[in-house]
Amino acid sequence: MVKATVREWYEEEGWGVLDSAETPGGCFGHFSDIETSGFRTLSAGQRVELAWEAPGFQQDGYDYRALRIVPRLD
């Protein structure tokens, strides 16, 4: 898990882009990867912990794809 920041989040579509030093150019994130109870969404600027993979193909234009997204409380 690495520290990341939500660059943008499209709540209606359920996906967004997360930035970290380990995922240059951004990491695709889907609401189903968010580990929280209730309605799973994020907001731009929010800090998260991120587990990611580089699947070898682009996911919606991004080289990295989130496996786990854990919202941070700090």
N, C-alpha and C. Protein backbone atom coordinates (compact mmCIF):
# COMPACT_ATOMS: atom_id res chain seq x y z
N MET A 1 0.85 -1.18 0.00
CA MET A 1 0.00 0.00 0.00
C MET A 1 0.90 1.24 0.00
N VAL A 2 0.49 2.23 -0.81
CA VAL A 2 1.21 3.50 -0.89
C VAL A 2 0.22 4.64 -0.63
N LYS A 3 0.75 5.78 -0.26
CA LYS A 3 -0.10 6.95 -0.06
C LYS A 3 -0.40 7.57 -1.41
N ALA A 4 -1.65 7.98 -1.60
CA ALA A 4 -2.07 8.57 -2.87
C ALA A 4 -3.10 9.65 -2.60
N THR A 5 -3.35 10.46 -3.63
CA THR A 5 -4.35 11.51 -3.56
C THR A 5 -5.29 11.35 -4.74
N VAL A 6 -6.57 11.55 -4.49
CA VAL A 6 -7.57 11.47 -5.56
C VAL A 6 -7.44 12.73 -6.43
N ARG A 7 -7.11 12.55 -7.70
CA ARG A 7 -7.01 13.67 -8.64
C ARG A 7 -8.40 14.11 -9.07
N GLU A 8 -9.21 13.14 -9.47
CA GLU A 8 -10.58 13.42 -9.91
C GLU A 8 -11.42 12.17 -9.67
N TRP A 9 -12.72 12.39 -9.43
CA TRP A 9 -13.62 11.27 -9.19
C TRP A 9 -14.96 11.56 -9.85
N TYR A 10 -15.43 10.61 -10.64
CA TYR A 10 -16.71 10.73 -11.36
C TYR A 10 -17.74 9.85 -10.65
N GLU A 11 -18.41 10.44 -9.68
CA GLU A 11 -19.33 9.68 -8.84
C GLU A 11 -20.41 8.98 -9.64
N GLU A 12 -20.98 9.66 -10.63
CA GLU A 12 -22.06 9.06 -11.42
C GLU A 12 -21.60 7.83 -12.20
N GLU A 13 -20.32 7.82 -12.58
CA GLU A 13 -19.77 6.70 -13.34
C GLU A 13 -19.04 5.69 -12.46
N GLY A 14 -18.71 6.09 -11.22
CA GLY A 14 -18.10 5.18 -10.27
C GLY A 14 -16.61 4.94 -10.47
N TRP A 15 -15.90 5.90 -11.03
CA TRP A 15 -14.46 5.72 -11.20
C TRP A 15 -13.75 7.06 -11.11
N GLY A 16 -12.42 6.98 -10.99
CA GLY A 16 -11.63 8.19 -10.93
C GLY A 16 -10.15 7.89 -11.11
N VAL A 17 -9.34 8.92 -10.87
CA VAL A 17 -7.90 8.82 -11.05
C VAL A 17 -7.22 9.18 -9.74
N LEU A 18 -6.24 8.35 -9.36
CA LEU A 18 -5.49 8.57 -8.13
C LEU A 18 -4.03 8.79 -8.49
N ASP A 19 -3.37 9.70 -7.76
CA ASP A 19 -1.97 10.02 -8.02
C ASP A 19 -1.09 9.59 -6.85
N SER A 20 0.02 8.96 -7.19
CA SER A 20 1.06 8.63 -6.21
C SER A 20 2.40 8.65 -6.94
N ALA A 21 3.48 8.73 -6.17
CA ALA A 21 4.82 8.72 -6.77
C ALA A 21 5.07 7.41 -7.52
N GLU A 22 4.45 6.34 -7.07
CA GLU A 22 4.66 5.01 -7.65
C GLU A 22 3.84 4.76 -8.91
N THR A 23 2.87 5.63 -9.20
CA THR A 23 2.00 5.45 -10.37
C THR A 23 2.01 6.70 -11.24
N PRO A 24 3.15 7.00 -11.88
CA PRO A 24 3.24 8.22 -12.68
C PRO A 24 2.21 8.24 -13.81
N GLY A 25 1.55 9.37 -13.96
CA GLY A 25 0.51 9.50 -14.99
C GLY A 25 -0.87 9.17 -14.47
N GLY A 26 -0.95 8.63 -13.26
CA GLY A 26 -2.25 8.34 -12.65
C GLY A 26 -2.61 6.87 -12.63
N CYS A 27 -3.48 6.54 -11.70
CA CYS A 27 -3.94 5.16 -11.50
C CYS A 27 -5.47 5.15 -11.58
N PHE A 28 -6.02 4.30 -12.43
CA PHE A 28 -7.47 4.14 -12.57
C PHE A 28 -8.01 3.49 -11.31
N GLY A 29 -9.07 4.05 -10.75
CA GLY A 29 -9.73 3.46 -9.58
C GLY A 29 -11.21 3.30 -9.82
N HIS A 30 -11.78 2.20 -9.35
CA HIS A 30 -13.21 1.90 -9.50
C HIS A 30 -13.83 1.85 -8.11
N PHE A 31 -15.10 2.22 -8.02
CA PHE A 31 -15.76 2.26 -6.71
C PHE A 31 -15.73 0.90 -6.02
N SER A 32 -15.72 -0.18 -6.76
CA SER A 32 -15.72 -1.51 -6.15
C SER A 32 -14.42 -1.83 -5.43
N ASP A 33 -13.35 -1.04 -5.67
CA ASP A 33 -12.07 -1.24 -5.01
C ASP A 33 -11.94 -0.45 -3.72
N ILE A 34 -12.92 0.42 -3.42
CA ILE A 34 -12.88 1.23 -2.20
C ILE A 34 -13.30 0.38 -1.02
N GLU A 35 -12.46 0.36 0.02
CA GLU A 35 -12.75 -0.42 1.21
C GLU A 35 -13.33 0.48 2.30
N THR A 36 -14.65 0.55 2.31
CA THR A 36 -15.38 1.31 3.31
C THR A 36 -16.80 0.76 3.39
N SER A 37 -17.50 1.12 4.44
CA SER A 37 -18.89 0.65 4.55
C SER A 37 -19.81 1.69 3.93
N GLY A 38 -20.98 1.28 3.55
CA GLY A 38 -21.94 2.19 2.96
C GLY A 38 -21.63 2.52 1.51
N PHE A 39 -22.06 3.69 1.09
CA PHE A 39 -21.88 4.14 -0.29
C PHE A 39 -20.40 4.41 -0.54
N ARG A 40 -19.83 3.77 -1.55
CA ARG A 40 -18.40 3.88 -1.82
C ARG A 40 -18.14 4.94 -2.89
N THR A 41 -17.57 6.07 -2.44
CA THR A 41 -17.21 7.15 -3.34
C THR A 41 -16.02 7.88 -2.76
N LEU A 42 -15.36 8.68 -3.57
CA LEU A 42 -14.22 9.49 -3.16
C LEU A 42 -14.43 10.91 -3.67
N SER A 43 -13.57 11.83 -3.25
CA SER A 43 -13.65 13.20 -3.75
C SER A 43 -12.26 13.71 -4.07
N ALA A 44 -12.18 14.62 -5.01
CA ALA A 44 -10.90 15.19 -5.42
C ALA A 44 -10.18 15.79 -4.22
N GLY A 45 -8.88 15.49 -4.12
CA GLY A 45 -8.07 15.98 -3.02
C GLY A 45 -8.01 15.05 -1.82
N GLN A 46 -8.89 14.07 -1.78
CA GLN A 46 -8.93 13.14 -0.66
C GLN A 46 -7.67 12.27 -0.65
N ARG A 47 -7.14 12.00 0.53
CA ARG A 47 -5.97 11.13 0.66
C ARG A 47 -6.42 9.70 0.93
N VAL A 48 -5.72 8.76 0.32
CA VAL A 48 -6.06 7.34 0.43
C VAL A 48 -4.78 6.52 0.51
N GLU A 49 -4.92 5.27 0.90
CA GLU A 49 -3.88 4.25 0.78
C GLU A 49 -4.28 3.44 -0.44
N LEU A 50 -3.30 3.06 -1.24
CA LEU A 50 -3.57 2.44 -2.54
C LEU A 50 -2.70 1.22 -2.78
N ALA A 51 -3.33 0.12 -3.16
CA ALA A 51 -2.61 -1.05 -3.70
C ALA A 51 -2.95 -1.08 -5.18
N TRP A 52 -1.95 -1.26 -6.03
CA TRP A 52 -2.16 -1.13 -7.47
C TRP A 52 -1.41 -2.23 -8.22
N GLU A 53 -1.72 -2.31 -9.51
CA GLU A 53 -1.01 -3.21 -10.40
C GLU A 53 -0.80 -2.50 -11.74
N ALA A 54 0.20 -2.97 -12.47
CA ALA A 54 0.43 -2.52 -13.84
C ALA A 54 0.10 -3.71 -14.72
N PRO A 55 -1.14 -3.80 -15.21
CA PRO A 55 -1.60 -5.02 -15.88
C PRO A 55 -0.99 -5.29 -17.26
N GLY A 56 -0.21 -4.34 -17.80
CA GLY A 56 0.38 -4.56 -19.11
C GLY A 56 -0.47 -4.06 -20.26
N PHE A 57 -1.59 -3.46 -19.93
CA PHE A 57 -2.46 -2.81 -20.93
C PHE A 57 -3.06 -1.60 -20.25
N GLN A 58 -3.55 -0.67 -21.00
CA GLN A 58 -4.12 0.53 -20.41
C GLN A 58 -5.57 0.31 -20.01
N GLN A 59 -5.89 0.73 -18.80
CA GLN A 59 -7.26 0.71 -18.29
C GLN A 59 -7.81 2.11 -18.46
N ASP A 60 -8.67 2.34 -19.44
CA ASP A 60 -9.25 3.65 -19.72
C ASP A 60 -8.18 4.73 -19.88
N GLY A 61 -7.04 4.37 -20.48
CA GLY A 61 -5.98 5.33 -20.76
C GLY A 61 -4.91 5.43 -19.70
N TYR A 62 -4.98 4.60 -18.66
CA TYR A 62 -4.01 4.65 -17.56
C TYR A 62 -3.23 3.33 -17.49
N ASP A 63 -1.91 3.45 -17.22
CA ASP A 63 -1.05 2.27 -17.16
C ASP A 63 -1.20 1.50 -15.86
N TYR A 64 -1.82 2.11 -14.85
CA TYR A 64 -1.96 1.49 -13.54
C TYR A 64 -3.44 1.36 -13.17
N ARG A 65 -3.73 0.30 -12.40
CA ARG A 65 -5.12 0.04 -11.99
C ARG A 65 -5.12 -0.28 -10.49
N ALA A 66 -6.04 0.31 -9.78
CA ALA A 66 -6.16 0.08 -8.33
C ALA A 66 -6.69 -1.31 -8.05
N LEU A 67 -6.15 -1.92 -7.00
CA LEU A 67 -6.65 -3.19 -6.49
C LEU A 67 -7.40 -2.98 -5.18
N ARG A 68 -6.89 -2.06 -4.37
CA ARG A 68 -7.51 -1.70 -3.08
C ARG A 68 -7.35 -0.20 -2.87
N ILE A 69 -8.40 0.45 -2.42
CA ILE A 69 -8.37 1.87 -2.08
C ILE A 69 -8.94 2.00 -0.68
N VAL A 70 -8.12 2.52 0.25
CA VAL A 70 -8.55 2.68 1.62
C VAL A 70 -8.48 4.16 1.97
N PRO A 71 -9.65 4.80 2.18
CA PRO A 71 -9.65 6.21 2.56
C PRO A 71 -8.89 6.44 3.87
N ARG A 72 -8.08 7.51 3.91
CA ARG A 72 -7.34 7.87 5.11
C ARG A 72 -8.14 8.86 5.91
N LEU A 73 -7.98 8.82 7.21
CA LEU A 73 -8.72 9.71 8.10
C LEU A 73 -7.95 10.97 8.46
N ASP A 74 -6.64 11.03 8.13
CA ASP A 74 -5.85 12.21 8.49
C ASP A 74 -5.80 13.25 7.41
